[in-house]
């Protein structure tokens, strides 16, 4: 029989230390491939920015080099002789109006799909998703007939409505998935406190889904900013053209001032990079598991 001295303090079990998460590093080959892909993506943009500071002799000469000999600003000064800033203002108006309308409609429709069950719910959602699969060129003629019937040809209003119909399906699907991830209990607690349905939507449900709103905004802005087919089809007046069509008009039939065109391309790229840089933290949440459902 073993004798245990009860006067001695009992041994305390040492707390188990949490295991450190093992960091997994990509192989050198994967890093090399990623660097090559990054260089292949950035090289055309770097060439455009550097070439915008080249003189006409450097651009049209036989000896080509990546870097300009000096900081030549004449190409940017030539932009003032065109309607570039009119095109820029039209693109800002169209992008801002399209994004605002599309987000408002997508928030309401996405909330309806996420919170209410009605006949044809899943069927309508499938139709919304399937609408994104049609190429833009297939919808050009039906949309042209619709806009012409409404008397909105050659107007920014007609172009905005077309862009809203084009961006809305993805925005609805995205917002519906984000609203599905918001617990229903928080909304029910708001109802008990006396909130109406719309107040609960804007003050309780929408703030956690803010990354989805920002991601939908980025998606809509980029699509509208760079779209060419519809802008070229529905707009005829030069004063109502957007940037994509306006830049195309800078290409001459026989000669083209490439320095001016490259400088305009750099100015077009700056707003998109600024917006995406500011909102990219919300966009990356989609890839990091921010969307459920």
Protein backbone atom coordinates (compact mmCIF):
# COMPACT_ATOMS: atom_id res chain seq x y z
CA UNK A 1 0.00 0.00 0.00
CA UNK A 2 1.39 3.39 -0.95
CA UNK A 3 1.39 6.18 1.53
CA UNK A 4 0.40 9.65 0.33
CA UNK A 5 1.34 12.67 2.38
CA UNK A 6 -1.82 14.80 2.41
CA UNK A 7 0.12 17.78 3.79
CA UNK A 8 1.96 18.22 0.53
CA UNK A 9 0.19 20.45 -1.97
CA UNK A 10 -1.31 18.67 -4.90
CA UNK A 11 0.50 19.06 -8.17
CA UNK A 12 -1.14 21.37 -10.51
CA UNK A 13 -1.38 20.28 -14.03
CA UNK A 14 0.47 22.62 -16.28
CA UNK A 15 -1.92 24.24 -18.71
CA UNK A 16 -1.63 22.91 -22.19
CA UNK A 17 -0.14 25.44 -24.50
CA UNK A 18 -2.10 26.14 -27.63
CA UNK A 19 -0.49 24.75 -30.67
CA UNK A 20 0.93 27.29 -32.97
CA UNK A 21 -0.52 27.29 -36.41
CA UNK A 22 1.93 26.06 -38.90
CA UNK A 23 2.57 28.62 -41.56
CA UNK A 24 2.53 27.22 -45.02
CA UNK A 25 4.72 28.93 -47.51
CA UNK A 26 4.38 28.56 -51.23
CA UNK A 27 7.15 26.84 -53.09
CA UNK A 28 9.75 28.91 -54.97
CA UNK A 29 8.24 27.73 -58.23
CA UNK A 30 4.83 29.12 -57.29
CA UNK A 31 6.45 32.43 -56.33
CA UNK A 32 8.23 32.57 -59.67
CA UNK A 33 5.01 31.92 -61.58
CA UNK A 34 3.18 34.59 -59.55
CA UNK A 35 5.95 37.12 -60.24
CA UNK A 36 5.88 36.34 -63.96
CA UNK A 37 2.11 36.74 -64.09
CA UNK A 38 2.34 40.02 -62.18
CA UNK A 39 5.01 41.37 -64.53
CA UNK A 40 3.01 40.27 -67.57
CA UNK A 41 -0.03 42.13 -66.21
CA UNK A 42 1.76 45.32 -65.17
CA UNK A 43 4.15 45.63 -68.11
CA UNK A 44 1.56 47.00 -70.61
CA UNK A 45 0.41 49.60 -68.07
CA UNK A 46 3.98 50.58 -67.25
CA UNK A 47 4.75 50.92 -70.95
CA UNK A 48 1.67 53.13 -71.44
CA UNK A 49 2.58 55.43 -68.54
CA UNK A 50 6.23 55.76 -69.59
CA UNK A 51 5.37 56.24 -73.26
CA UNK A 52 2.94 59.05 -72.41
CA UNK A 53 5.98 61.15 -71.43
CA UNK A 54 7.86 60.50 -74.68
CA UNK A 55 8.27 63.07 -77.42
CA UNK A 56 6.72 62.44 -80.87
CA UNK A 57 10.20 61.72 -82.22
CA UNK A 58 10.73 58.99 -79.62
CA UNK A 59 7.33 57.44 -80.30
CA UNK A 60 7.62 57.49 -84.08
CA UNK A 61 11.36 56.88 -84.33
CA UNK A 62 13.03 53.66 -85.37
CA UNK A 63 14.98 53.18 -82.15
CA UNK A 64 12.47 52.19 -79.49
CA UNK A 65 13.20 52.25 -75.77
CA UNK A 66 11.06 51.60 -72.71
CA UNK A 67 12.06 54.72 -70.81
CA UNK A 68 11.65 58.27 -72.13
CA UNK A 69 14.68 60.55 -72.41
CA UNK A 70 12.96 63.21 -70.31
CA UNK A 71 9.69 64.30 -68.71
CA UNK A 72 7.77 65.56 -71.77
CA UNK A 73 4.34 66.94 -70.82
CA UNK A 74 3.26 68.01 -74.30
CA UNK A 75 1.07 64.95 -74.75
CA UNK A 76 -1.01 65.89 -71.71
CA UNK A 77 -1.27 69.50 -72.88
CA UNK A 78 -2.71 68.31 -76.21
CA UNK A 79 -5.66 66.71 -74.38
CA UNK A 80 -7.05 70.19 -73.70
CA UNK A 81 -7.61 70.58 -77.46
CA UNK A 82 -10.09 67.69 -77.46
CA UNK A 83 -13.45 66.99 -75.76
CA UNK A 84 -11.73 64.69 -73.28
CA UNK A 85 -13.05 66.46 -70.18
CA UNK A 86 -16.59 66.38 -71.60
CA UNK A 87 -16.24 62.63 -72.10
CA UNK A 88 -14.84 62.35 -68.59
CA UNK A 89 -17.77 64.25 -67.04
CA UNK A 90 -20.28 62.10 -68.95
CA UNK A 91 -18.62 58.91 -67.71
CA UNK A 92 -18.68 60.16 -64.12
CA UNK A 93 -22.39 61.02 -64.37
CA UNK A 94 -23.29 57.69 -65.97
CA UNK A 95 -21.17 55.63 -63.55
CA UNK A 96 -22.46 57.44 -60.45
CA UNK A 97 -26.13 57.26 -61.48
CA UNK A 98 -25.91 53.63 -62.60
CA UNK A 99 -24.18 52.54 -59.40
CA UNK A 100 -26.65 54.37 -57.16
CA UNK A 101 -29.75 53.01 -58.90
CA UNK A 102 -28.37 49.48 -59.21
CA UNK A 103 -27.37 49.33 -55.54
CA UNK A 104 -30.72 50.61 -54.28
CA UNK A 105 -32.65 48.10 -56.38
CA UNK A 106 -30.23 45.26 -55.59
CA UNK A 107 -30.46 45.89 -51.82
CA UNK A 108 -34.26 45.74 -51.88
CA UNK A 109 -34.43 42.74 -54.23
CA UNK A 110 -31.63 40.86 -52.47
CA UNK A 111 -33.33 41.40 -49.12
CA UNK A 112 -36.59 40.08 -50.54
CA UNK A 113 -34.94 36.92 -51.86
CA UNK A 114 -33.10 36.38 -48.56
CA UNK A 115 -35.94 36.96 -46.10
CA UNK A 116 -39.20 36.04 -47.86
CA UNK A 117 -40.45 32.78 -49.30
CA UNK A 118 -42.87 33.11 -52.15
CA UNK A 119 -44.01 31.14 -55.17
CA UNK A 120 -41.27 31.04 -57.80
CA UNK A 121 -38.57 32.30 -55.43
CA UNK A 122 -35.83 29.95 -56.61
CA UNK A 123 -36.99 30.12 -60.22
CA UNK A 124 -36.77 33.90 -60.26
CA UNK A 125 -33.34 33.76 -58.63
CA UNK A 126 -32.14 31.34 -61.31
CA UNK A 127 -33.44 33.71 -63.97
CA UNK A 128 -31.51 36.55 -62.35
CA UNK A 129 -28.30 34.50 -62.34
CA UNK A 130 -28.88 33.23 -65.90
CA UNK A 131 -29.25 36.80 -67.13
CA UNK A 132 -25.52 37.27 -66.51
CA UNK A 133 -24.66 34.44 -68.92
CA UNK A 134 -25.91 36.17 -72.06
CA UNK A 135 -23.23 37.97 -74.07
CA UNK A 136 -23.73 41.72 -74.28
CA UNK A 137 -23.85 41.64 -78.09
CA UNK A 138 -26.93 39.37 -78.02
CA UNK A 139 -28.87 41.92 -75.96
CA UNK A 140 -27.83 44.96 -78.00
CA UNK A 141 -30.67 44.77 -80.54
CA UNK A 142 -33.53 44.13 -78.03
CA UNK A 143 -32.22 46.90 -75.80
CA UNK A 144 -31.88 49.24 -78.79
CA UNK A 145 -35.51 48.65 -79.75
CA UNK A 146 -36.63 49.20 -76.14
CA UNK A 147 -34.66 52.42 -75.74
CA UNK A 148 -35.87 53.70 -79.11
CA UNK A 149 -39.50 52.96 -78.16
CA UNK A 150 -39.05 54.94 -74.95
CA UNK A 151 -37.59 57.85 -76.91
CA UNK A 152 -34.30 57.74 -74.99
CA UNK A 153 -31.85 57.20 -77.82
CA UNK A 154 -28.81 59.49 -77.79
CA UNK A 155 -29.35 60.41 -74.13
CA UNK A 156 -27.43 59.66 -70.96
CA UNK A 157 -30.68 58.60 -69.26
CA UNK A 158 -31.22 55.81 -71.77
CA UNK A 159 -27.61 54.69 -71.41
CA UNK A 160 -27.94 54.66 -67.61
CA UNK A 161 -31.07 52.48 -67.76
CA UNK A 162 -29.29 50.03 -70.08
CA UNK A 163 -26.31 49.81 -67.74
CA UNK A 164 -28.60 49.29 -64.74
CA UNK A 165 -30.26 46.32 -66.44
CA UNK A 166 -26.83 44.93 -67.23
CA UNK A 167 -25.33 45.28 -63.73
CA UNK A 168 -28.42 44.51 -61.65
CA UNK A 169 -28.46 40.66 -61.84
CA UNK A 170 -24.99 40.22 -60.32
CA UNK A 171 -25.66 42.87 -57.68
CA UNK A 172 -28.92 41.16 -56.64
CA UNK A 173 -27.24 37.77 -56.36
CA UNK A 174 -24.37 39.22 -54.34
CA UNK A 175 -26.59 41.15 -51.93
CA UNK A 176 -28.90 38.17 -51.43
CA UNK A 177 -25.93 36.02 -50.33
CA UNK A 178 -24.71 38.67 -47.90
CA UNK A 179 -28.18 39.13 -46.40
CA UNK A 180 -28.46 35.36 -45.96
CA UNK A 181 -25.31 35.50 -43.81
CA UNK A 182 -26.86 38.04 -41.41
CA UNK A 183 -28.61 36.24 -38.49
CA UNK A 184 -32.37 36.60 -38.48
CA UNK A 185 -32.35 36.92 -34.68
CA UNK A 186 -30.79 40.39 -34.84
CA UNK A 187 -33.59 41.54 -37.10
CA UNK A 188 -36.25 39.99 -34.87
CA UNK A 189 -34.78 41.82 -31.87
CA UNK A 190 -35.11 45.07 -33.80
CA UNK A 191 -38.78 44.29 -34.48
CA UNK A 192 -39.36 43.78 -30.76
CA UNK A 193 -37.81 47.20 -30.08
CA UNK A 194 -40.33 48.76 -32.45
CA UNK A 195 -38.35 49.00 -35.69
CA UNK A 196 -40.23 48.80 -38.95
CA UNK A 197 -39.15 46.48 -41.73
CA UNK A 198 -37.32 49.19 -43.68
CA UNK A 199 -35.68 50.66 -40.58
CA UNK A 200 -34.43 47.22 -39.56
CA UNK A 201 -33.07 46.73 -43.07
CA UNK A 202 -31.11 50.00 -43.15
CA UNK A 203 -29.94 50.05 -39.52
CA UNK A 204 -29.55 46.37 -38.57
CA UNK A 205 -29.21 44.17 -41.66
CA UNK A 206 -27.35 46.47 -44.03
CA UNK A 207 -24.28 47.42 -41.89
CA UNK A 208 -22.98 43.80 -41.63
CA UNK A 209 -23.55 43.44 -45.40
CA UNK A 210 -21.57 46.59 -46.20
CA UNK A 211 -18.69 44.62 -47.84
CA UNK A 212 -21.20 43.25 -50.33
CA UNK A 213 -22.46 46.76 -51.11
CA UNK A 214 -18.92 47.99 -51.73
CA UNK A 215 -18.05 44.98 -53.87
CA UNK A 216 -21.17 45.49 -55.98
CA UNK A 217 -20.28 49.17 -56.33
CA UNK A 218 -16.76 48.34 -57.56
CA UNK A 219 -18.14 45.78 -60.01
CA UNK A 220 -20.66 48.25 -61.43
CA UNK A 221 -18.26 51.19 -61.68
CA UNK A 222 -15.59 49.20 -63.49
CA UNK A 223 -18.07 47.71 -65.94
CA UNK A 224 -19.65 51.06 -66.76
CA UNK A 225 -16.34 52.91 -66.94
CA UNK A 226 -14.83 50.62 -69.56
CA UNK A 227 -17.96 49.63 -71.53
CA UNK A 228 -17.83 50.42 -75.26
CA UNK A 229 -20.50 48.47 -77.16
CA UNK A 230 -23.64 50.01 -75.65
CA UNK A 231 -22.12 53.49 -75.39
CA UNK A 232 -21.24 53.38 -79.09
CA UNK A 233 -24.67 52.00 -80.04
CA UNK A 234 -26.98 54.30 -78.09
CA UNK A 235 -25.05 57.59 -78.25
CA UNK A 236 -24.51 59.56 -81.48
CA UNK A 237 -23.81 63.11 -80.34
CA UNK A 238 -20.16 63.85 -79.60
CA UNK A 239 -21.04 65.98 -76.56
CA UNK A 240 -22.80 62.99 -74.92
CA UNK A 241 -20.11 60.36 -75.51
CA UNK A 242 -18.41 58.59 -72.66
CA UNK A 243 -14.68 58.01 -72.30
CA UNK A 244 -14.51 54.64 -74.03
CA UNK A 245 -16.12 55.97 -77.21
CA UNK A 246 -14.39 59.34 -76.89
CA UNK A 247 -10.94 57.76 -76.79
CA UNK A 248 -11.79 55.74 -79.86
CA UNK A 249 -12.56 58.99 -81.70
CA UNK A 250 -8.98 60.13 -81.06
CA UNK A 251 -7.76 57.43 -83.44
CA UNK A 252 -7.56 59.07 -86.86
CA UNK A 253 -8.38 57.43 -90.15
CA UNK A 254 -4.91 57.98 -91.60
CA UNK A 255 -2.75 59.32 -88.76
CA UNK A 256 -2.99 59.04 -84.98
CA UNK A 257 -1.32 61.12 -82.30
CA UNK A 258 -0.22 58.21 -80.15
CA UNK A 259 1.28 60.40 -77.45
CA UNK A 260 -2.01 62.18 -76.87
CA UNK A 261 -3.90 58.88 -76.91
CA UNK A 262 -1.52 57.32 -74.37
CA UNK A 263 -1.78 60.35 -72.09
CA UNK A 264 -5.58 60.16 -72.23
CA UNK A 265 -5.41 56.46 -71.39
CA UNK A 266 -3.36 57.20 -68.28
CA UNK A 267 -5.89 59.79 -67.09
CA UNK A 268 -8.75 57.33 -67.68
CA UNK A 269 -7.00 54.67 -65.61
CA UNK A 270 -6.37 56.85 -62.53
CA UNK A 271 -9.99 57.07 -61.16
CA UNK A 272 -10.55 53.32 -61.44
CA UNK A 273 -7.29 52.56 -59.64
CA UNK A 274 -8.14 55.07 -56.92
CA UNK A 275 -11.62 53.64 -56.34
CA UNK A 276 -10.44 50.04 -56.41
CA UNK A 277 -7.53 50.85 -54.09
CA UNK A 278 -9.88 52.42 -51.58
CA UNK A 279 -12.50 49.66 -51.68
CA UNK A 280 -10.28 46.61 -52.29
CA UNK A 281 -10.47 45.57 -48.62
CA UNK A 282 -14.21 44.98 -49.06
CA UNK A 283 -13.72 43.12 -52.35
CA UNK A 284 -11.15 40.73 -50.88
CA UNK A 285 -13.65 39.66 -48.21
CA UNK A 286 -15.54 37.78 -50.92
CA UNK A 287 -12.52 35.59 -51.66
CA UNK A 288 -11.80 35.27 -47.92
CA UNK A 289 -15.17 33.76 -47.06
CA UNK A 290 -17.24 36.86 -46.57
CA UNK A 291 -20.16 35.44 -48.56
CA UNK A 292 -22.25 32.55 -47.31
CA UNK A 293 -25.31 30.86 -48.67
